[in-house]
Each structure stands twice: as C-alpha cells, then as structure tokens.
Amino acid sequence: MQNPINISGLSRRKFLKVSGAGVVTASTIGSGLWLPGAATAEPYSGKHTWISPRGTIEVMDDYAIWVAQAMGYFGDLGVELELQPGPPGGTAVVQFVSVGQADMGFPAPGILGNSIENDMGLVSIFGTGYLDLFNIAFRKGEGMTDLRGLEGKTVLLGSAAWQSIADPMLKAVGVDVTKVRYVEAGFPNWTAALAAGEGDACLAWEGLRALLEKNGQSFDYWMGMRGSPLPSNSQVVRRADVEDPDRRAFLQAYVKGMAMGHEFADHNPRAAADIVFKALPATREGFGARSGTESLMQIHRTFKGDLSQRSGWGEHDIAGFQRFFDVQREIGLLSTEINAADYVLNDFIAEGNAFDHDQVKADAEAYALPDDLAALDMAELEANFYNSAIN
C-alpha cells in the first residue's frame, strides 16, 4: 500500500544567521528553542518529517525517496514521510531537526560539522553523498584545473552559509582560502551573476549542472567527484532518536527504503526520473525528459561512487568525513577536534541493504516509461555526459 507524501510549509519563527566564519547561530521568537535539549516537539507523531537544505524540493536530488514511496517500498516497511522544502541557505536544516521542527535533514558535511560544534545533538545515519557532488563553475574558456589559481579571485555563492562548503573543498586541494574572496550573490541568481560577468567562479553541484545547461547557462566545471577527496550530503537525525528503540527501528526501515530507491534508480534512471516528475509536476516542466534524466544521473553517480568498494548504499566514508572536519578546524570553521566516527554512523547500513536486490532490479526493468523518456537517446546522453568537465 502506498502512502502519500505531503508537502506543506514550515514555521518561519526562526531567523537564521551565519557569522563571518560560517558558524551557525539562530534567534527565535519564544523561549528556549535554540538551547540544546530544549526541544519539545513530539518527533514521530504522525508523519516523519524530512527537510531539504535547498529551500525547495522541486529538484531531482531526492529521487530515492520518491522511488521508495511510489514503488511501495516505504509503505511495505511502515514508513510514512512528509517532505518539507525548508528555508534556503543550508543551515536551517540542522536547526529544524535539532529542535524537533523536523525529524531528518540532508545537510552538507560542513553544516553537520557546525552543528556538532554547536552541540545540537545530531548524527548522520546514511551517507548519501559518497563522493563530493559540489563543483566550481567558470565561464567558458576561463576554467582552471588547479584551483590554487582561485587565490586572489572572487567566488560567488548563493548564500553566505555556503562558505562552509566551499572552503573545506578548496583547502583540501591546496588552496589558501584566506586569499579567496567570497561574494553572496543571492539564491537562486548567483549562477546568472557569473554568466553576466560578475566574479571569477561560483559554487555549483551535480544535478544543477544539467538544469543550468538546459537554461542556457553553459559553464566549464571543475568537478568535485573527480578532484575532491571529500564526501557530500548525508541523512542526519537526532542522536536521541537513534538511542530510542522504537525510533531506531523506524530509522532502520527508512534506511532500507532509501537503499532500495537508489538500487532501483541504478537500474533504470529514466524510470526514477518519471517517478519524480509524477510526484513533482513542476520538475517535468522545469527540466524536461532529457535534462531531468541527466540531472538525476549526475547526482546518482556521486551518491554511488564505486559501490564494489562499499558495504552498500549509504555507507559513510568515515575517513572522508574526518578529513572534512579536520580541514574545517584548520581553516577556523571549527574550534574543537571532532572524531567523525562518533557522529557519522554506519550502524544501519548492513540491515539497510538486506533487501531483495533481484526484485528491485525486476521492478526497475519492468517500469513502463512514457513516450518522451522512452525516446531519450541514452547513448548520446552518455557520450556527452562529461563534456563540460575540465578536470
């Protein structure tokens, strides 16, 4: 039996702030919501609430959730979800989960590191982004394979909070980030600002790359999945929920459904794209068959990595997270040492991947595609997949 995923607005009582160092703080109307341990919201009363870090869910990125819902995997596991777009900027996702206004979020590792620094009581249970999905975009012909060339240059960001993403990635490949100038060009117009001649580069990511190309913003990309040693976004929850037996059982079921959604998309990305289109009709209008499929495939490849070297979908690269947190501390975004293994957990992965892989493959292969997706030339898409990469 399939359960509907509901979409509704979040309370905007929180006013988010990011310091110059990228550290997350917040003020609230009302008392005590920001203080560690002060959350009073009942987490799992009704639907489990998942919050996006992007300010929207009208993207291809969350395909595994939509697939698990549409194919009945979540329903069979007793998982009922409500997806929330959340405020843009990236930092709200950890704040809302910490205080109980959402139950699970999808932050970048830098945002997770900030939440640990602020003692927000969060842990990661599913390492969705095994490879670094973030890119550095340049105007055509102005790209560089050695990002140390960005020293003395201007990098555009959609939000000031994104510096906690960009700085560790650049530092990890040898850039002196104190010599990089960041400008908050605004979300969602920061890429248009680069195309119009402002700045020297901007932060971008896989999935977005396909949409920008469709919309006439053609850039050269230094691709994180090829050049960065760092991981990217993961599924984050309250540690208290992991330690509660009933909530832990629910989270284990969620992880299994997510893993099945990834497996399905691996066998038939066009089917996964169609499922997203049906759940979010605006994505079909915004992306179209080709760009939507390409966007999903871009994201999926960063999520998958080399699966033969992993114990299954969602296994965290704990060494990669450790390196991320260490780099954050080196550049002053964290003031204390973080032991990644204390906050990045692979406890759920073995059971999460213990599903009938053959059945999921059969489900994917039997999916009836609509005409526009069935007509898509996958060989042509594959042949041009990395045309804009410069590393």
Foldseek 3Di string as FASTA:
>chain_A
DFADAAEDAFDPQKDWDADLLLATDIDGDDPDLQPQPSADADQPPDAAEEEEQALDPLFLQQLLVLQLRVVCLCVVLVHGYYYYHDHYDQLVRLSCQLRRSHFKYKGWLLSVLSCVLVVSQKFFAFQQQQFDFKKKWFAPPLDDLQCLVQQQWEEEEQHSSCCSVVQLQNVQRPHPCVRHHYDNPHPPCRLVCRQVPPTGIYMDGQLVQLLCVVVPRATFIAGRRPPGLATTIGMMGGVVLCVDVVSVSNVLSVLLSSQLSLLLCVLALLLSLVSSCVSNVVSCVRQNSLSSSLSNVSSSCSSCPPVVPPLGRRQHPQVNSQSSSVSCCVVPSHVDHDRSPVRYDHPSGNSSNPDDSVVSSVVNVPDDGDPRNVPDDVVVCVVCSNVSYDD
